[in-house]
Amino acid sequence: MIMNTIRIHKLIAYPFVVLWAYPGSNRRLRWRSSRAEMHMQPFPEWMGDILFWLIPLVELGIAALLVMPEFRMWGLRASLALISVFTVYLVLVIGRAFGYIPCACGGILSGMGHTAHLLFNSIFVILGCIAMVLAHRSRHGEYASPDARRKEVRPQRR
């Protein structure tokens, strides 16, 4: 069971690597259009400039954490946090909390409508939650034997 859990963590990490590495690098390659898209978001001008640099750096940093086995759990936690923030923002956009907002996502996601994008994000939120539940269950997975049992002392009857 523990080995399966460790494999599942790896399997969940790989799609997150692609999710963060592709748009993070794509935003750097298309920096002019990415900056313009970021400034169409409902943030003050100064915040748009900060987010324009910060989001790709965070995405690429998370992708790096995910490919290093010793930091994979930190990468999965950060992935769940970031995709959750993006999903909440998307729900607010769909609910027209800010009026109409164009998508500032990179790559294939930019061609999706907001509802399809919400479904896409929701799948990754679910994957991140699965990874966290499995991590909690196998907290000491690499060190504990699945056959180990708790030894309890039973009182002797008289």
N, C-alpha and C. Protein backbone atom coordinates (compact mmCIF):
# COMPACT_ATOMS: atom_id res chain seq x y z
N MET A 1 0.83 -1.21 0.00
CA MET A 1 0.00 0.00 0.00
C MET A 1 0.86 1.26 0.00
N ILE A 2 1.91 1.25 0.82
CA ILE A 2 2.76 2.43 0.91
C ILE A 2 3.48 2.68 -0.40
N MET A 3 4.00 1.64 -1.03
CA MET A 3 4.67 1.81 -2.31
C MET A 3 3.71 2.36 -3.36
N ASN A 4 2.46 1.90 -3.35
CA ASN A 4 1.47 2.43 -4.30
C ASN A 4 1.23 3.90 -4.05
N THR A 5 1.18 4.30 -2.77
CA THR A 5 0.96 5.70 -2.42
C THR A 5 2.11 6.56 -2.93
N ILE A 6 3.34 6.07 -2.77
CA ILE A 6 4.50 6.82 -3.25
C ILE A 6 4.45 6.96 -4.77
N ARG A 7 4.07 5.91 -5.45
CA ARG A 7 3.94 5.98 -6.92
C ARG A 7 2.84 6.95 -7.33
N ILE A 8 1.75 6.96 -6.60
CA ILE A 8 0.65 7.87 -6.91
C ILE A 8 1.10 9.31 -6.74
N HIS A 9 1.90 9.60 -5.70
CA HIS A 9 2.44 10.95 -5.54
C HIS A 9 3.24 11.36 -6.76
N LYS A 10 4.08 10.45 -7.25
CA LYS A 10 4.87 10.76 -8.45
C LYS A 10 3.96 10.99 -9.65
N LEU A 11 2.97 10.12 -9.80
CA LEU A 11 2.05 10.26 -10.94
C LEU A 11 1.27 11.57 -10.88
N ILE A 12 0.89 11.99 -9.69
CA ILE A 12 0.16 13.25 -9.56
C ILE A 12 1.11 14.43 -9.78
N ALA A 13 2.36 14.28 -9.40
CA ALA A 13 3.32 15.38 -9.55
C ALA A 13 3.60 15.70 -11.02
N TYR A 14 3.67 14.68 -11.88
CA TYR A 14 4.04 14.92 -13.28
C TYR A 14 3.08 15.85 -14.02
N PRO A 15 1.76 15.66 -13.92
CA PRO A 15 0.88 16.63 -14.60
C PRO A 15 1.02 18.05 -14.04
N PHE A 16 1.31 18.16 -12.73
CA PHE A 16 1.52 19.48 -12.16
C PHE A 16 2.80 20.12 -12.70
N VAL A 17 3.83 19.32 -12.95
CA VAL A 17 5.06 19.87 -13.54
C VAL A 17 4.74 20.52 -14.88
N VAL A 18 3.98 19.82 -15.71
CA VAL A 18 3.60 20.37 -17.02
C VAL A 18 2.71 21.60 -16.84
N LEU A 19 1.78 21.50 -15.89
CA LEU A 19 0.85 22.61 -15.64
C LEU A 19 1.60 23.89 -15.29
N TRP A 20 2.68 23.80 -14.52
CA TRP A 20 3.40 25.00 -14.09
C TRP A 20 4.55 25.36 -15.03
N ALA A 21 5.28 24.39 -15.54
CA ALA A 21 6.46 24.70 -16.36
C ALA A 21 6.08 25.31 -17.71
N TYR A 22 5.04 24.77 -18.33
CA TYR A 22 4.67 25.26 -19.66
C TYR A 22 4.21 26.73 -19.63
N PRO A 23 3.20 27.08 -18.83
CA PRO A 23 2.79 28.49 -18.87
C PRO A 23 3.83 29.43 -18.27
N GLY A 24 4.59 28.94 -17.27
CA GLY A 24 5.63 29.78 -16.69
C GLY A 24 6.68 30.17 -17.72
N SER A 25 7.11 29.21 -18.51
CA SER A 25 8.10 29.51 -19.56
C SER A 25 7.44 30.23 -20.74
N ASN A 26 6.20 29.88 -21.06
CA ASN A 26 5.48 30.52 -22.16
C ASN A 26 5.28 32.02 -21.88
N ARG A 27 4.99 32.35 -20.63
CA ARG A 27 4.82 33.77 -20.28
C ARG A 27 6.12 34.54 -20.44
N ARG A 28 7.23 33.90 -20.17
CA ARG A 28 8.54 34.57 -20.33
C ARG A 28 8.87 34.72 -21.82
N LEU A 29 8.49 33.73 -22.63
CA LEU A 29 8.79 33.81 -24.06
C LEU A 29 7.91 34.83 -24.77
N ARG A 30 6.67 34.95 -24.33
CA ARG A 30 5.72 35.90 -24.92
C ARG A 30 5.52 37.08 -23.97
N TRP A 31 6.58 37.65 -23.48
CA TRP A 31 6.47 38.58 -22.39
C TRP A 31 5.66 39.84 -22.71
N ARG A 32 5.71 40.34 -23.93
CA ARG A 32 4.94 41.54 -24.26
C ARG A 32 3.43 41.28 -24.18
N SER A 33 2.98 40.20 -24.83
CA SER A 33 1.54 39.91 -24.78
C SER A 33 1.11 39.46 -23.38
N SER A 34 2.00 38.76 -22.67
CA SER A 34 1.67 38.34 -21.30
C SER A 34 1.51 39.54 -20.38
N ARG A 35 2.39 40.51 -20.55
CA ARG A 35 2.29 41.72 -19.74
C ARG A 35 1.00 42.48 -20.05
N ALA A 36 0.66 42.57 -21.32
CA ALA A 36 -0.57 43.25 -21.71
C ALA A 36 -1.79 42.53 -21.14
N GLU A 37 -1.79 41.19 -21.21
CA GLU A 37 -2.91 40.41 -20.65
C GLU A 37 -3.02 40.60 -19.15
N MET A 38 -1.87 40.65 -18.47
CA MET A 38 -1.89 40.83 -17.02
C MET A 38 -2.47 42.19 -16.66
N HIS A 39 -2.21 43.19 -17.48
CA HIS A 39 -2.72 44.53 -17.20
C HIS A 39 -4.20 44.68 -17.56
N MET A 40 -4.80 43.67 -18.19
CA MET A 40 -6.24 43.68 -18.43
C MET A 40 -7.00 43.11 -17.23
N GLN A 41 -6.28 42.58 -16.26
CA GLN A 41 -6.91 42.01 -15.07
C GLN A 41 -7.32 43.15 -14.14
N PRO A 42 -8.23 42.89 -13.20
CA PRO A 42 -8.77 43.96 -12.36
C PRO A 42 -7.86 44.35 -11.20
N PHE A 43 -6.57 44.50 -11.46
CA PHE A 43 -5.62 44.88 -10.42
C PHE A 43 -5.10 46.27 -10.72
N PRO A 44 -4.62 46.96 -9.69
CA PRO A 44 -3.96 48.25 -9.95
C PRO A 44 -2.73 48.03 -10.85
N GLU A 45 -2.34 49.06 -11.57
CA GLU A 45 -1.22 48.98 -12.51
C GLU A 45 0.04 48.42 -11.86
N TRP A 46 0.37 48.92 -10.66
CA TRP A 46 1.58 48.46 -9.99
C TRP A 46 1.51 46.97 -9.64
N MET A 47 0.32 46.47 -9.29
CA MET A 47 0.17 45.07 -8.95
C MET A 47 0.28 44.19 -10.20
N GLY A 48 -0.22 44.68 -11.31
CA GLY A 48 -0.09 43.95 -12.56
C GLY A 48 1.36 43.72 -12.93
N ASP A 49 2.21 44.74 -12.72
CA ASP A 49 3.63 44.58 -13.00
C ASP A 49 4.28 43.55 -12.08
N ILE A 50 3.91 43.57 -10.80
CA ILE A 50 4.47 42.60 -9.85
C ILE A 50 4.02 41.19 -10.22
N LEU A 51 2.73 41.03 -10.48
CA LEU A 51 2.20 39.70 -10.82
C LEU A 51 2.77 39.19 -12.14
N PHE A 52 3.04 40.10 -13.08
CA PHE A 52 3.62 39.72 -14.36
C PHE A 52 4.95 39.00 -14.16
N TRP A 53 5.74 39.43 -13.20
CA TRP A 53 7.02 38.77 -12.91
C TRP A 53 6.87 37.64 -11.90
N LEU A 54 6.03 37.84 -10.91
CA LEU A 54 5.93 36.89 -9.80
C LEU A 54 5.29 35.57 -10.20
N ILE A 55 4.19 35.60 -10.92
CA ILE A 55 3.46 34.36 -11.25
C ILE A 55 4.33 33.38 -12.03
N PRO A 56 5.00 33.78 -13.11
CA PRO A 56 5.85 32.80 -13.81
C PRO A 56 7.00 32.27 -12.94
N LEU A 57 7.57 33.14 -12.12
CA LEU A 57 8.66 32.67 -11.24
C LEU A 57 8.15 31.65 -10.23
N VAL A 58 6.98 31.89 -9.68
CA VAL A 58 6.39 30.93 -8.74
C VAL A 58 6.06 29.63 -9.46
N GLU A 59 5.47 29.73 -10.65
CA GLU A 59 5.13 28.52 -11.41
C GLU A 59 6.37 27.68 -11.72
N LEU A 60 7.42 28.33 -12.17
CA LEU A 60 8.65 27.60 -12.50
C LEU A 60 9.32 27.06 -11.23
N GLY A 61 9.22 27.80 -10.14
CA GLY A 61 9.76 27.32 -8.87
C GLY A 61 9.03 26.08 -8.37
N ILE A 62 7.72 26.09 -8.49
CA ILE A 62 6.94 24.92 -8.08
C ILE A 62 7.26 23.72 -8.96
N ALA A 63 7.41 23.95 -10.26
CA ALA A 63 7.78 22.86 -11.17
C ALA A 63 9.13 22.27 -10.76
N ALA A 64 10.07 23.12 -10.37
CA ALA A 64 11.38 22.64 -9.93
C ALA A 64 11.25 21.80 -8.65
N LEU A 65 10.42 22.25 -7.71
CA LEU A 65 10.21 21.47 -6.48
C LEU A 65 9.64 20.09 -6.79
N LEU A 66 8.73 20.04 -7.74
CA LEU A 66 8.06 18.79 -8.08
C LEU A 66 8.99 17.75 -8.72
N VAL A 67 10.02 18.18 -9.40
CA VAL A 67 10.91 17.22 -10.05
C VAL A 67 12.00 16.71 -9.12
N MET A 68 12.17 17.34 -7.97
CA MET A 68 13.16 16.89 -6.99
C MET A 68 12.46 16.05 -5.93
N PRO A 69 12.77 14.75 -5.86
CA PRO A 69 12.05 13.87 -4.94
C PRO A 69 12.01 14.35 -3.49
N GLU A 70 13.09 14.95 -3.00
CA GLU A 70 13.11 15.38 -1.61
C GLU A 70 12.22 16.60 -1.35
N PHE A 71 11.83 17.31 -2.39
CA PHE A 71 10.98 18.48 -2.24
C PHE A 71 9.60 18.30 -2.89
N ARG A 72 9.31 17.10 -3.36
CA ARG A 72 8.08 16.84 -4.10
C ARG A 72 6.83 17.19 -3.28
N MET A 73 6.82 16.82 -2.00
CA MET A 73 5.63 17.11 -1.19
C MET A 73 5.43 18.62 -1.05
N TRP A 74 6.51 19.37 -0.89
CA TRP A 74 6.38 20.83 -0.84
C TRP A 74 5.81 21.36 -2.15
N GLY A 75 6.28 20.77 -3.25
CA GLY A 75 5.76 21.16 -4.56
C GLY A 75 4.30 20.83 -4.73
N LEU A 76 3.88 19.67 -4.22
CA LEU A 76 2.46 19.31 -4.31
C LEU A 76 1.60 20.23 -3.44
N ARG A 77 2.10 20.57 -2.26
CA ARG A 77 1.36 21.51 -1.39
C ARG A 77 1.23 22.87 -2.06
N ALA A 78 2.34 23.35 -2.61
CA ALA A 78 2.32 24.65 -3.29
C ALA A 78 1.43 24.60 -4.53
N SER A 79 1.44 23.47 -5.22
CA SER A 79 0.58 23.32 -6.40
C SER A 79 -0.89 23.41 -6.02
N LEU A 80 -1.26 22.70 -4.97
CA LEU A 80 -2.65 22.74 -4.52
C LEU A 80 -3.04 24.15 -4.10
N ALA A 81 -2.16 24.83 -3.40
CA ALA A 81 -2.46 26.20 -2.97
C ALA A 81 -2.63 27.13 -4.16
N LEU A 82 -1.70 27.07 -5.11
CA LEU A 82 -1.75 28.00 -6.25
C LEU A 82 -2.93 27.70 -7.17
N ILE A 83 -3.18 26.43 -7.46
CA ILE A 83 -4.32 26.11 -8.34
C ILE A 83 -5.63 26.47 -7.65
N SER A 84 -5.67 26.37 -6.32
CA SER A 84 -6.88 26.77 -5.59
C SER A 84 -7.10 28.27 -5.69
N VAL A 85 -6.03 29.04 -5.55
CA VAL A 85 -6.14 30.51 -5.69
C VAL A 85 -6.61 30.87 -7.10
N PHE A 86 -6.01 30.25 -8.11
CA PHE A 86 -6.41 30.52 -9.49
C PHE A 86 -7.87 30.12 -9.71
N THR A 87 -8.31 29.03 -9.10
CA THR A 87 -9.69 28.56 -9.28
C THR A 87 -10.68 29.51 -8.61
N VAL A 88 -10.36 29.98 -7.41
CA VAL A 88 -11.24 30.94 -6.74
C VAL A 88 -11.33 32.22 -7.57
N TYR A 89 -10.20 32.68 -8.09
CA TYR A 89 -10.20 33.87 -8.94
C TYR A 89 -11.08 33.65 -10.17
N LEU A 90 -10.97 32.46 -10.75
CA LEU A 90 -11.77 32.13 -11.94
C LEU A 90 -13.26 32.11 -11.62
N VAL A 91 -13.62 31.58 -10.45
CA VAL A 91 -15.03 31.58 -10.03
C VAL A 91 -15.53 33.02 -9.91
N LEU A 92 -14.70 33.90 -9.36
CA LEU A 92 -15.09 35.31 -9.25
C LEU A 92 -15.25 35.95 -10.64
N VAL A 93 -14.36 35.59 -11.56
CA VAL A 93 -14.46 36.11 -12.93
C VAL A 93 -15.74 35.62 -13.59
N ILE A 94 -16.03 34.32 -13.46
CA ILE A 94 -17.24 33.76 -14.06
C ILE A 94 -18.48 34.38 -13.43
N GLY A 95 -18.41 34.65 -12.14
CA GLY A 95 -19.53 35.30 -11.45
C GLY A 95 -19.61 36.80 -11.72
N ARG A 96 -18.76 37.29 -12.59
CA ARG A 96 -18.73 38.71 -13.00
C ARG A 96 -18.52 39.66 -11.82
N ALA A 97 -17.74 39.21 -10.85
CA ALA A 97 -17.42 40.08 -9.72
C ALA A 97 -16.60 41.29 -10.17
N PHE A 98 -15.89 41.16 -11.28
CA PHE A 98 -15.05 42.23 -11.79
C PHE A 98 -15.50 42.73 -13.16
N GLY A 99 -16.66 42.28 -13.64
CA GLY A 99 -17.04 42.55 -15.02
C GLY A 99 -16.39 41.52 -15.92
N TYR A 100 -16.31 41.78 -17.20
CA TYR A 100 -15.68 40.81 -18.10
C TYR A 100 -14.16 40.93 -17.99
N ILE A 101 -13.52 39.79 -17.82
CA ILE A 101 -12.07 39.74 -17.72
C ILE A 101 -11.56 38.71 -18.73
N PRO A 102 -10.65 39.09 -19.62
CA PRO A 102 -10.08 38.10 -20.54
C PRO A 102 -9.10 37.19 -19.78
N CYS A 103 -8.92 36.01 -20.30
CA CYS A 103 -8.02 35.04 -19.68
C CYS A 103 -6.57 35.46 -19.92
N ALA A 104 -5.77 35.46 -18.86
CA ALA A 104 -4.35 35.79 -18.96
C ALA A 104 -3.50 34.54 -18.85
N CYS A 105 -4.09 33.40 -19.18
CA CYS A 105 -3.38 32.12 -19.07
C CYS A 105 -2.54 31.89 -20.32
N GLY A 106 -1.51 31.09 -20.15
CA GLY A 106 -0.63 30.82 -21.28
C GLY A 106 -0.99 29.52 -21.96
N GLY A 107 -0.58 29.41 -23.22
CA GLY A 107 -0.69 28.16 -23.94
C GLY A 107 -2.10 27.75 -24.27
N ILE A 108 -2.38 26.46 -24.14
CA ILE A 108 -3.67 25.90 -24.55
C ILE A 108 -4.82 26.43 -23.71
N LEU A 109 -4.55 26.83 -22.48
CA LEU A 109 -5.62 27.32 -21.63
C LEU A 109 -6.19 28.65 -22.11
N SER A 110 -5.37 29.42 -22.81
CA SER A 110 -5.86 30.72 -23.29
C SER A 110 -6.96 30.57 -24.32
N GLY A 111 -7.02 29.41 -24.99
CA GLY A 111 -8.06 29.16 -25.98
C GLY A 111 -9.35 28.62 -25.38
N MET A 112 -9.34 28.27 -24.12
CA MET A 112 -10.53 27.72 -23.46
C MET A 112 -11.44 28.85 -23.00
N GLY A 113 -12.71 28.54 -22.92
CA GLY A 113 -13.64 29.47 -22.30
C GLY A 113 -13.47 29.38 -20.78
N HIS A 114 -14.07 30.32 -20.08
CA HIS A 114 -13.95 30.34 -18.62
C HIS A 114 -14.51 29.08 -17.96
N THR A 115 -15.63 28.56 -18.47
CA THR A 115 -16.23 27.37 -17.86
C THR A 115 -15.36 26.15 -18.07
N ALA A 116 -14.82 25.97 -19.26
CA ALA A 116 -13.91 24.84 -19.52
C ALA A 116 -12.65 24.97 -18.68
N HIS A 117 -12.19 26.19 -18.51
CA HIS A 117 -11.01 26.43 -17.69
C HIS A 117 -11.30 26.09 -16.22
N LEU A 118 -12.50 26.41 -15.77
CA LEU A 118 -12.89 26.07 -14.39
C LEU A 118 -12.90 24.56 -14.19
N LEU A 119 -13.41 23.83 -15.16
CA LEU A 119 -13.41 22.37 -15.09
C LEU A 119 -11.97 21.84 -15.06
N PHE A 120 -11.13 22.36 -15.92
CA PHE A 120 -9.72 21.98 -15.97
C PHE A 120 -9.06 22.22 -14.61
N ASN A 121 -9.24 23.41 -14.04
CA ASN A 121 -8.66 23.72 -12.74
C ASN A 121 -9.20 22.80 -11.65
N SER A 122 -10.50 22.52 -11.71
CA SER A 122 -11.13 21.67 -10.69
C SER A 122 -10.52 20.27 -10.68
N ILE A 123 -10.18 19.76 -11.85
CA ILE A 123 -9.53 18.45 -11.92
C ILE A 123 -8.19 18.49 -11.19
N PHE A 124 -7.45 19.57 -11.37
CA PHE A 124 -6.16 19.68 -10.69
C PHE A 124 -6.32 19.91 -9.19
N VAL A 125 -7.37 20.61 -8.79
CA VAL A 125 -7.63 20.76 -7.35
C VAL A 125 -7.91 19.39 -6.75
N ILE A 126 -8.70 18.59 -7.43
CA ILE A 126 -9.01 17.23 -6.95
C ILE A 126 -7.73 16.39 -6.88
N LEU A 127 -6.89 16.45 -7.91
CA LEU A 127 -5.63 15.72 -7.89
C LEU A 127 -4.75 16.15 -6.72
N GLY A 128 -4.69 17.45 -6.47
CA GLY A 128 -3.91 17.96 -5.34
C GLY A 128 -4.46 17.48 -4.01
N CYS A 129 -5.78 17.45 -3.88
CA CYS A 129 -6.40 16.95 -2.65
C CYS A 129 -6.11 15.46 -2.45
N ILE A 130 -6.17 14.70 -3.52
CA ILE A 130 -5.84 13.27 -3.44
C ILE A 130 -4.40 13.10 -2.96
N ALA A 131 -3.49 13.88 -3.51
CA ALA A 131 -2.08 13.79 -3.10
C ALA A 131 -1.94 14.11 -1.61
N MET A 132 -2.65 15.11 -1.12
CA MET A 132 -2.54 15.48 0.29
C MET A 132 -3.12 14.39 1.20
N VAL A 133 -4.25 13.81 0.80
CA VAL A 133 -4.85 12.73 1.60
C VAL A 133 -3.90 11.54 1.65
N LEU A 134 -3.35 11.17 0.51
CA LEU A 134 -2.43 10.04 0.48
C LEU A 134 -1.15 10.34 1.26
N ALA A 135 -0.70 11.57 1.21
CA ALA A 135 0.50 11.94 1.97
C ALA A 135 0.24 11.83 3.46
N HIS A 136 -0.95 12.22 3.88
CA HIS A 136 -1.30 12.13 5.30
C HIS A 136 -1.36 10.67 5.74
N ARG A 137 -1.90 9.83 4.90
CA ARG A 137 -2.02 8.40 5.23
C ARG A 137 -0.66 7.71 5.29
N SER A 138 0.27 8.13 4.47
CA SER A 138 1.57 7.47 4.44
C SER A 138 2.66 8.40 4.96
N ARG A 139 2.37 9.08 6.01
CA ARG A 139 3.26 10.08 6.56
C ARG A 139 4.69 9.57 6.75
N HIS A 140 4.79 8.36 7.22
CA HIS A 140 6.11 7.77 7.43
C HIS A 140 6.34 6.65 6.43
N GLY A 141 5.75 6.79 5.28
CA GLY A 141 5.73 5.73 4.27
C GLY A 141 7.07 5.12 3.91
N GLU A 142 8.11 5.92 3.79
CA GLU A 142 9.37 5.35 3.34
C GLU A 142 10.14 4.69 4.48
N TYR A 143 9.72 4.93 5.72
CA TYR A 143 10.47 4.41 6.85
C TYR A 143 9.74 3.29 7.58
N ALA A 144 8.44 3.27 7.51
CA ALA A 144 7.67 2.28 8.26
C ALA A 144 7.34 1.09 7.37
N SER A 145 7.30 -0.06 7.98
CA SER A 145 6.93 -1.26 7.25
C SER A 145 5.43 -1.40 7.25
N PRO A 146 4.83 -1.74 6.11
CA PRO A 146 3.38 -1.90 6.08
C PRO A 146 2.91 -3.08 6.92
N ASP A 147 3.83 -3.99 7.26
CA ASP A 147 3.46 -5.15 8.07
C ASP A 147 3.61 -4.89 9.56
N ALA A 148 4.15 -3.74 9.93
CA ALA A 148 4.37 -3.46 11.35
C ALA A 148 3.03 -3.27 12.04
N ARG A 149 2.92 -3.82 13.21
CA ARG A 149 1.70 -3.69 14.01
C ARG A 149 2.05 -3.08 15.35
N ARG A 150 1.10 -2.45 15.93
CA ARG A 150 1.28 -1.87 17.24
C ARG A 150 1.23 -2.98 18.27
N LYS A 151 2.20 -2.97 19.14
CA LYS A 151 2.25 -3.99 20.17
C LYS A 151 1.68 -3.40 21.44
N GLU A 152 0.63 -4.01 21.90
CA GLU A 152 0.00 -3.53 23.12
C GLU A 152 0.12 -4.58 24.21
N VAL A 153 0.33 -4.12 25.39
CA VAL A 153 0.42 -5.03 26.53
C VAL A 153 -0.99 -5.23 27.08
N ARG A 154 -1.37 -6.49 27.16
CA ARG A 154 -2.69 -6.79 27.68
C ARG A 154 -2.56 -7.22 29.13
N PRO A 155 -3.45 -6.72 29.96
CA PRO A 155 -3.39 -7.14 31.36
C PRO A 155 -3.72 -8.62 31.48
N GLN A 156 -3.01 -9.30 32.35
CA GLN A 156 -3.26 -10.72 32.55
C GLN A 156 -4.46 -10.90 33.46
N ARG A 157 -5.25 -11.93 33.16
CA ARG A 157 -6.42 -12.22 34.00
C ARG A 157 -6.00 -13.06 35.19
N ARG A 158 -6.67 -12.88 36.27
CA ARG A 158 -6.41 -13.68 37.47
C ARG A 158 -7.47 -14.66 37.71
